[in-house]
Amino acid sequence: MKVKAFLVAAAAAGLVAGALSSPATAAQPATPAPAEAPAVFAHPGVGVSRAQLDFVKAKVQAGAQPWTTAFNQAKNSAYGSLSRTPTPRAVVECGPYSKPDYGCTNERQDAIAAYTDALIWYISGDVRYAQKSIALMDAWSATIRDHTNSNAPLQTGWAASSWPKAAEIIKHAYGNWPNSGRFATMLRNVYVPEIINGSNSNGNWELTIIEALQGIGVFLEDKAIYDKAISLFSYRAPAYVYLASDGSLPKTVPSQNLNTRDKIVGYWQGQGTFVTGLTQETCRDFVHTGYGISAISHVLETARIQGIDMYPQYGERLRQALGFQAKYERQAEPVPSWLCGGSVQRGLGPITEVGYNALHTRLGIAMANTQALTEANRPAGTNALFLAWETLTHAENPA
């Protein structure tokens, strides 16, 4: 039934919409979904579930591929080093493109390292990695007080997308973490105030922020924070990925006041022809587009783990976004003249595994271009910002 629902949605959306044929002056804003936190939160429950972790552990213990190579990739990386020394700062200052970079890279990488160590511990059973993950989280929770400068919301979102993934595994699977309460206070008092109201910048900013808020909501078991994340998502995800069924113009986030065609085209990087699978940042570059698509997949996956399946509502946008970008990333077709002036900046990044696994492995939906790109890029590593090791955690994972 789920596959059939997706196929019906795909037919309704259409594979390609042509150029705009009339000077439309307004787009339909995205429709918010009712906020819906789970009645009882599942743990570990951010990005990857206990059942998924158990699947991966069994595969690695059996020496199966691609999981064993992916595990060794993570373990042998700088993020998995047992000699890593945490580098916390009281105030992390991040300007545009992290310039200045006063603690920005250190914070993001320590957060990814904490998650990496938590994964290695769960899979290998080596308690040294759990203790290293705890040491990283404890160092930051004892130190950080604020994020400042123009990139503060994005930096906060990036770091807070990784911290809850590590914390969920350590608190709910390892268990011996005396300072977990202080870490929770750090998330609530330092991270949440910076991102709770979202962002009116490019869509990847807010989608990353949403992912972070959702993960924090799960770890804190705070339904209000979780619901705020899903409320923001219900506007932003439809406004980030275009489907032909949206009409002649993409959906918009009401607070951005994109109430004319010219404003929308400007916001979509000057792209005036809207086709299914195009994203708000496709014509900026595929790197930032990948950030947005990745965050969408992470939000949907965490929601599913929490018992709220949002794939029927948003999965078609994710499928089309992955497929459209993958087609041009792998140069399966020439870039047409109407798309981004006939040229795209590639560099999608290691962002396809979660969405591909959800839609193809679990739901059985064919995704030829996404499949080819995903398999060619295995094992997927990390973008050093907010995602890591998704071949390890999600490749062909039916759980």
Protein backbone atom coordinates (compact mmCIF):
# COMPACT_ATOMS: atom_id res chain seq x y z
CA MET A 1 0.00 0.00 0.00
CA LYS A 2 2.83 2.40 0.76
CA VAL A 3 4.47 1.84 -2.62
CA LYS A 4 1.15 2.35 -4.36
CA ALA A 5 0.58 5.60 -2.49
CA PHE A 6 3.95 6.90 -3.64
CA LEU A 7 3.32 5.92 -7.25
CA VAL A 8 -0.01 7.71 -7.20
CA ALA A 9 1.67 10.78 -5.74
CA ALA A 10 4.34 10.66 -8.41
CA ALA A 11 1.78 10.51 -11.18
CA ALA A 12 -0.08 13.45 -9.71
CA ALA A 13 3.10 15.48 -9.40
CA GLY A 14 4.31 14.71 -12.90
CA LEU A 15 7.94 14.13 -13.75
CA VAL A 16 8.58 17.51 -15.36
CA ALA A 17 6.70 20.78 -15.46
CA GLY A 18 7.42 23.17 -18.30
CA ALA A 19 8.36 26.81 -18.20
CA LEU A 20 5.93 29.25 -16.69
CA SER A 21 3.38 30.24 -19.26
CA SER A 22 1.80 33.21 -17.51
CA PRO A 23 3.08 36.11 -15.39
CA ALA A 24 1.67 34.73 -12.15
CA THR A 25 2.10 37.15 -9.27
CA ALA A 26 1.75 34.95 -6.23
CA ALA A 27 2.46 31.43 -5.08
CA GLN A 28 0.54 29.32 -2.64
CA PRO A 29 2.17 29.23 0.77
CA ALA A 30 2.94 25.82 2.14
CA THR A 31 0.21 24.36 4.34
CA PRO A 32 1.27 23.61 7.91
CA ALA A 33 0.76 20.14 9.29
CA PRO A 34 -0.61 19.71 12.78
CA ALA A 35 2.17 19.57 15.34
CA GLU A 36 2.53 16.03 16.55
CA ALA A 37 5.17 14.89 19.02
CA PRO A 38 5.13 11.18 19.91
CA ALA A 39 3.23 10.21 23.02
CA VAL A 40 6.36 8.41 24.24
CA PHE A 41 9.78 9.13 22.78
CA ALA A 42 11.82 6.21 21.41
CA HIS A 43 15.51 5.95 22.35
CA PRO A 44 18.06 5.86 20.82
CA GLY A 45 15.91 7.80 18.43
CA VAL A 46 17.72 10.53 16.50
CA GLY A 47 18.73 9.63 12.97
CA VAL A 48 19.24 5.96 13.71
CA SER A 49 17.26 3.53 15.85
CA ARG A 50 18.36 0.68 18.10
CA ALA A 51 17.05 -1.81 15.54
CA GLN A 52 19.07 -0.13 12.79
CA LEU A 53 22.18 -0.12 14.98
CA ASP A 54 21.70 -3.81 15.74
CA PHE A 55 21.41 -4.56 12.02
CA VAL A 56 24.67 -2.74 11.34
CA LYS A 57 26.44 -4.41 14.28
CA ALA A 58 25.52 -7.86 12.98
CA LYS A 59 26.72 -6.99 9.48
CA VAL A 60 30.08 -5.69 10.69
CA GLN A 61 30.59 -8.67 12.99
CA ALA A 62 29.98 -10.91 9.99
CA GLY A 63 32.46 -8.94 7.86
CA ALA A 64 29.72 -8.08 5.37
CA GLN A 65 30.00 -5.27 2.83
CA PRO A 66 29.59 -2.33 2.48
CA TRP A 67 29.20 -2.04 6.23
CA THR A 68 32.61 -3.39 7.24
CA THR A 69 34.49 -1.02 4.96
CA ALA A 70 32.27 1.83 6.14
CA PHE A 71 32.95 0.94 9.78
CA ASN A 72 36.70 0.90 9.20
CA GLN A 73 36.42 4.24 7.41
CA ALA A 74 34.83 5.79 10.48
CA LYS A 75 37.15 4.08 12.96
CA ASN A 76 40.29 5.07 11.05
CA SER A 77 39.22 8.67 10.56
CA ALA A 78 40.38 11.60 12.69
CA TYR A 79 36.87 11.61 14.18
CA GLY A 80 37.35 8.10 15.52
CA SER A 81 40.77 8.71 17.04
CA LEU A 82 41.06 7.81 20.72
CA SER A 83 43.80 10.43 21.06
CA ARG A 84 41.47 13.26 20.06
CA THR A 85 41.52 16.17 22.51
CA PRO A 86 38.30 18.22 22.81
CA THR A 87 38.62 21.93 22.00
CA PRO A 88 35.65 23.69 23.64
CA ARG A 89 35.14 27.46 23.70
CA ALA A 90 32.86 29.55 25.88
CA VAL A 91 31.82 31.70 22.91
CA VAL A 92 31.84 30.26 19.39
CA GLU A 93 32.00 33.11 16.87
CA CYS A 94 31.18 32.33 13.24
CA GLY A 95 30.94 34.94 10.51
CA PRO A 96 29.89 34.35 6.89
CA TYR A 97 31.37 31.08 5.61
CA SER A 98 32.80 30.67 9.13
CA LYS A 99 35.08 33.70 8.78
CA PRO A 100 36.08 34.47 11.45
CA ASP A 101 36.28 30.91 12.72
CA TYR A 102 36.59 31.12 16.47
CA GLY A 103 35.66 27.62 17.51
CA CYS A 104 33.31 26.92 14.59
CA THR A 105 35.25 24.08 13.00
CA ASN A 106 36.28 22.74 16.40
CA GLU A 107 32.70 22.56 17.65
CA ARG A 108 31.32 20.87 14.54
CA GLN A 109 34.13 18.36 14.39
CA ASP A 110 34.02 17.51 18.09
CA ALA A 111 30.28 16.92 17.75
CA ILE A 112 30.80 14.61 14.76
CA ALA A 113 33.60 12.87 16.67
CA ALA A 114 31.31 12.27 19.65
CA TYR A 115 28.78 10.65 17.32
CA THR A 116 31.49 8.66 15.54
CA ASP A 117 32.80 7.32 18.84
CA ALA A 118 29.30 6.42 19.98
CA LEU A 119 28.75 4.43 16.79
CA ILE A 120 32.10 2.66 17.08
CA TRP A 121 31.34 1.71 20.67
CA TYR A 122 27.89 0.36 19.83
CA ILE A 123 29.18 -1.74 16.96
CA SER A 124 32.46 -2.92 18.49
CA GLY A 125 31.69 -2.97 22.21
CA ASP A 126 35.00 -1.22 22.97
CA VAL A 127 34.17 0.98 25.97
CA ARG A 128 37.08 3.31 25.24
CA TYR A 129 35.03 4.83 22.45
CA ALA A 130 32.01 5.42 24.67
CA GLN A 131 34.27 7.13 27.18
CA LYS A 132 35.83 9.29 24.45
CA SER A 133 32.37 10.30 23.26
CA ILE A 134 31.46 11.26 26.82
CA ALA A 135 34.69 13.22 27.26
CA LEU A 136 33.93 15.29 24.16
CA MET A 137 30.36 16.01 25.22
CA ASP A 138 31.37 16.78 28.80
CA ALA A 139 34.08 19.21 27.71
CA TRP A 140 31.65 21.26 25.66
CA SER A 141 28.79 21.14 28.17
CA ALA A 142 31.15 22.47 30.84
CA THR A 143 32.34 25.36 28.67
CA ILE A 144 30.12 26.73 25.92
CA ARG A 145 27.82 29.64 26.69
CA ASP A 146 26.93 31.28 23.37
CA HIS A 147 27.18 31.44 19.58
CA THR A 148 27.74 34.83 17.97
CA ASN A 149 28.14 36.65 14.63
CA SER A 150 26.13 36.25 11.44
CA ASN A 151 26.42 32.48 11.05
CA ALA A 152 25.46 31.76 14.66
CA PRO A 153 22.08 30.16 13.80
CA LEU A 154 23.56 27.93 11.11
CA GLN A 155 26.56 26.96 13.23
CA THR A 156 24.22 26.14 16.11
CA GLY A 157 22.09 24.01 13.81
CA TRP A 158 25.06 22.15 12.39
CA ALA A 159 26.57 21.28 15.77
CA ALA A 160 23.19 20.50 17.33
CA SER A 161 22.39 18.09 14.53
CA SER A 162 25.28 15.86 15.66
CA TRP A 163 25.25 16.26 19.46
CA PRO A 164 21.85 14.57 20.02
CA LYS A 165 22.81 11.60 17.82
CA ALA A 166 25.80 10.93 20.04
CA ALA A 167 23.94 11.68 23.25
CA GLU A 168 21.05 9.36 22.42
CA ILE A 169 23.33 6.36 21.91
CA ILE A 170 25.45 7.06 24.97
CA LYS A 171 22.61 7.84 27.38
CA HIS A 172 20.18 5.15 26.29
CA ALA A 173 22.49 2.34 25.16
CA TYR A 174 25.74 2.81 27.11
CA GLY A 175 24.19 4.44 30.15
CA ASN A 176 27.13 5.36 32.39
CA TRP A 177 27.16 9.12 31.85
CA PRO A 178 27.09 11.14 35.10
CA ASN A 179 27.04 14.55 33.34
CA SER A 180 24.18 13.79 30.95
CA GLY A 181 22.00 16.29 32.81
CA ARG A 182 24.53 19.07 32.28
CA PHE A 183 24.66 18.20 28.59
CA ALA A 184 20.86 18.44 28.42
CA THR A 185 21.03 21.86 30.07
CA MET A 186 23.58 22.96 27.47
CA LEU A 187 21.25 21.98 24.64
CA ARG A 188 18.28 23.71 26.24
CA ASN A 189 20.00 26.93 27.33
CA VAL A 190 22.70 27.49 24.70
CA TYR A 191 21.42 25.85 21.51
CA VAL A 192 17.63 26.08 21.56
CA PRO A 193 17.35 29.89 22.04
CA GLU A 194 19.53 30.48 18.98
CA ILE A 195 17.41 28.39 16.61
CA ILE A 196 13.90 28.07 18.05
CA ASN A 197 12.46 30.71 15.72
CA GLY A 198 13.93 29.22 12.56
CA SER A 199 15.51 31.26 9.78
CA ASN A 200 14.38 33.28 6.78
CA SER A 201 17.68 32.75 4.99
CA ASN A 202 18.27 30.16 2.25
CA GLY A 203 16.33 26.98 2.84
CA ASN A 204 19.28 24.81 3.85
CA TRP A 205 19.75 27.05 6.92
CA GLU A 206 16.27 26.45 8.25
CA LEU A 207 16.18 22.77 7.33
CA THR A 208 19.39 22.22 9.29
CA ILE A 209 17.93 24.19 12.18
CA ILE A 210 14.78 22.06 12.04
CA GLU A 211 16.82 18.87 12.13
CA ALA A 212 18.68 20.16 15.18
CA LEU A 213 15.53 21.19 17.01
CA GLN A 214 13.88 17.86 16.35
CA GLY A 215 16.89 15.94 17.68
CA ILE A 216 17.08 18.14 20.76
CA GLY A 217 13.37 17.65 21.33
CA VAL A 218 13.85 13.88 21.28
CA PHE A 219 16.84 13.91 23.64
CA LEU A 220 15.17 16.31 26.08
CA GLU A 221 11.82 14.55 25.66
CA ASP A 222 10.41 18.03 25.12
CA LYS A 223 7.25 17.85 23.04
CA ALA A 224 7.04 21.64 22.57
CA ILE A 225 10.50 21.78 20.98
CA TYR A 226 9.75 18.73 18.84
CA ASP A 227 6.44 20.20 17.69
CA LYS A 228 8.07 23.51 16.82
CA ALA A 229 10.52 21.67 14.59
CA ILE A 230 7.75 19.83 12.74
CA SER A 231 5.72 23.02 12.39
CA LEU A 232 8.68 24.78 10.77
CA PHE A 233 9.29 21.74 8.57
CA SER A 234 5.71 21.69 7.31
CA TYR A 235 6.30 25.09 5.71
CA ARG A 236 9.95 24.82 4.73
CA ALA A 237 10.19 21.39 3.09
CA PRO A 238 7.42 22.09 0.51
CA ALA A 239 8.98 25.51 -0.11
CA TYR A 240 12.40 23.96 -0.74
CA VAL A 241 11.53 21.24 -3.28
CA TYR A 242 9.20 22.00 -6.18
CA LEU A 243 6.61 19.57 -7.54
CA ALA A 244 4.50 20.27 -10.61
CA SER A 245 1.42 19.74 -8.45
CA ASP A 246 2.37 22.90 -6.51
CA GLY A 247 1.16 25.03 -9.43
CA SER A 248 3.03 27.43 -11.67
CA LEU A 249 5.16 28.73 -8.83
CA PRO A 250 6.85 27.07 -5.85
CA LYS A 251 5.24 27.15 -2.46
CA THR A 252 6.52 29.80 -0.08
CA VAL A 253 7.12 30.35 3.61
CA PRO A 254 4.64 33.11 4.61
CA SER A 255 7.10 34.99 6.84
CA GLN A 256 9.42 35.58 3.88
CA ASN A 257 6.87 37.71 2.00
CA LEU A 258 7.72 36.16 -1.37
CA ASN A 259 4.46 37.39 -2.83
CA THR A 260 5.38 38.05 -6.47
CA ARG A 261 6.89 35.98 -9.25
CA ASP A 262 9.94 38.23 -9.43
CA LYS A 263 10.65 37.82 -5.73
CA ILE A 264 10.33 34.06 -6.00
CA VAL A 265 12.59 33.81 -9.05
CA GLY A 266 15.18 35.93 -7.28
CA TYR A 267 15.00 33.72 -4.20
CA TRP A 268 15.36 30.64 -6.41
CA GLN A 269 18.72 31.93 -7.66
CA GLY A 270 17.27 33.51 -10.81
CA GLN A 271 15.67 30.27 -12.02
CA GLY A 272 12.37 31.05 -13.73
CA THR A 273 11.52 27.61 -15.11
CA PHE A 274 10.22 25.33 -12.40
CA VAL A 275 10.33 21.56 -12.83
CA THR A 276 9.66 18.69 -10.49
CA GLY A 277 12.67 17.98 -8.26
CA LEU A 278 14.23 21.43 -8.58
CA THR A 279 15.18 22.92 -5.24
CA GLN A 280 15.44 26.49 -4.06
CA GLU A 281 19.25 26.25 -4.17
CA THR A 282 19.85 24.02 -7.21
CA CYS A 283 21.06 26.99 -9.23
CA ARG A 284 23.22 28.24 -6.38
CA ASP A 285 25.25 25.04 -6.17
CA PHE A 286 24.73 21.37 -5.38
CA VAL A 287 26.75 21.58 -2.17
CA HIS A 288 24.17 23.74 -0.37
CA THR A 289 21.37 21.88 -2.13
CA GLY A 290 22.75 18.69 -0.63
CA TYR A 291 22.61 20.21 2.85
CA GLY A 292 18.90 20.90 2.43
CA ILE A 293 18.03 17.52 0.95
CA SER A 294 20.02 15.76 3.66
CA ALA A 295 18.22 17.61 6.45
CA ILE A 296 14.84 16.71 4.93
CA SER A 297 15.79 13.04 4.91
CA HIS A 298 17.04 13.23 8.51
CA VAL A 299 13.84 14.83 9.78
CA LEU A 300 11.69 12.21 8.07
CA GLU A 301 13.85 9.38 9.38
CA THR A 302 13.81 10.61 12.98
CA ALA A 303 10.05 11.11 12.81
CA ARG A 304 9.62 7.52 11.58
CA ILE A 305 11.76 6.23 14.43
CA GLN A 306 9.50 8.20 16.78
CA GLY A 307 6.48 6.40 15.38
CA ILE A 308 5.21 9.20 13.14
CA ASP A 309 5.53 8.26 9.47
CA MET A 310 5.85 11.46 7.44
CA TYR A 311 7.13 9.74 4.28
CA PRO A 312 3.64 9.50 2.71
CA GLN A 313 3.33 13.28 2.96
CA TYR A 314 6.87 14.38 2.12
CA GLY A 315 8.58 11.35 0.60
CA GLU A 316 7.73 12.26 -2.99
CA ARG A 317 9.49 15.60 -2.63
CA LEU A 318 12.52 13.84 -1.23
CA ARG A 319 12.49 11.23 -4.01
CA GLN A 320 12.24 13.82 -6.74
CA ALA A 321 14.87 16.09 -5.21
CA LEU A 322 17.31 13.20 -4.93
CA GLY A 323 16.65 11.98 -8.44
CA PHE A 324 16.81 15.38 -10.12
CA GLN A 325 20.09 16.37 -8.50
CA ALA A 326 21.59 12.88 -8.87
CA LYS A 327 20.92 12.91 -12.62
CA TYR A 328 23.01 16.01 -13.15
CA GLU A 329 25.55 15.21 -10.43
CA ARG A 330 26.50 12.00 -12.22
CA GLN A 331 26.18 13.70 -15.62
CA ALA A 332 23.65 11.19 -16.88
CA GLU A 333 22.22 13.93 -19.09
CA PRO A 334 23.55 17.27 -20.38
CA VAL A 335 22.36 20.30 -18.41
CA PRO A 336 19.63 21.94 -20.52
CA SER A 337 19.88 25.63 -21.36
CA TRP A 338 16.80 26.51 -19.32
CA LEU A 339 18.32 25.10 -16.12
CA CYS A 340 20.65 27.45 -14.24
CA GLY A 341 21.71 29.10 -17.50
CA GLY A 342 22.90 25.75 -18.85
CA SER A 343 25.44 25.05 -16.13
CA VAL A 344 25.33 23.62 -12.61
CA GLN A 345 27.95 23.56 -9.87
CA ARG A 346 28.22 19.93 -8.80
CA GLY A 347 29.28 18.60 -5.41
CA LEU A 348 26.19 17.05 -3.89
CA GLY A 349 28.12 15.36 -1.09
CA PRO A 350 27.51 12.13 0.87
CA ILE A 351 23.83 12.88 1.40
CA THR A 352 21.83 10.23 -0.48
CA GLU A 353 21.96 7.11 1.73
CA VAL A 354 19.20 7.93 4.23
CA GLY A 355 16.60 8.98 1.69
CA TYR A 356 17.53 6.23 -0.73
CA ASN A 357 17.30 3.58 1.96
CA ALA A 358 13.94 4.82 3.20
CA LEU A 359 12.35 5.04 -0.22
CA HIS A 360 14.06 2.21 -2.09
CA THR A 361 15.07 -0.40 0.48
CA ARG A 362 12.04 -0.12 2.74
CA LEU A 363 9.35 1.03 0.30
CA GLY A 364 10.61 -0.61 -2.88
CA ILE A 365 10.51 2.51 -5.05
CA ALA A 366 12.78 2.52 -8.11
CA MET A 367 15.32 5.38 -8.01
CA ALA A 368 17.77 4.67 -10.86
CA ASN A 369 19.90 7.83 -10.76
CA THR A 370 19.94 8.02 -6.98
CA GLN A 371 20.86 4.36 -6.77
CA ALA A 372 23.72 4.73 -9.23
CA LEU A 373 25.12 7.77 -7.43
CA THR A 374 24.71 6.23 -3.98
CA GLU A 375 26.42 2.97 -4.87
CA ALA A 376 29.24 4.77 -6.71
CA ASN A 377 29.96 6.92 -3.64
CA ARG A 378 30.07 4.13 -1.06
CA PRO A 379 31.24 4.21 1.61
CA ALA A 380 29.83 7.69 2.19
CA GLY A 381 31.94 9.63 4.68
CA THR A 382 31.23 12.99 6.31
CA ASN A 383 30.82 16.54 5.09
CA ALA A 384 32.57 17.78 8.27
CA LEU A 385 29.50 19.85 9.10
CA PHE A 386 26.54 17.79 10.31
CA LEU A 387 26.37 14.36 8.72
CA ALA A 388 28.61 11.33 8.87
CA TRP A 389 28.92 7.63 8.03
CA GLU A 390 25.52 7.08 6.46
CA THR A 391 26.60 4.07 4.41
CA LEU A 392 27.45 2.46 7.74
CA THR A 393 24.15 3.33 9.40
CA HIS A 394 21.66 3.22 6.55
CA ALA A 395 22.91 1.24 3.53
CA GLU A 396 20.31 -1.45 2.74
CA ASN A 397 19.05 -1.20 6.31
CA PRO A 398 15.49 -2.58 6.49
CA ALA A 399 14.98 -1.87 10.20
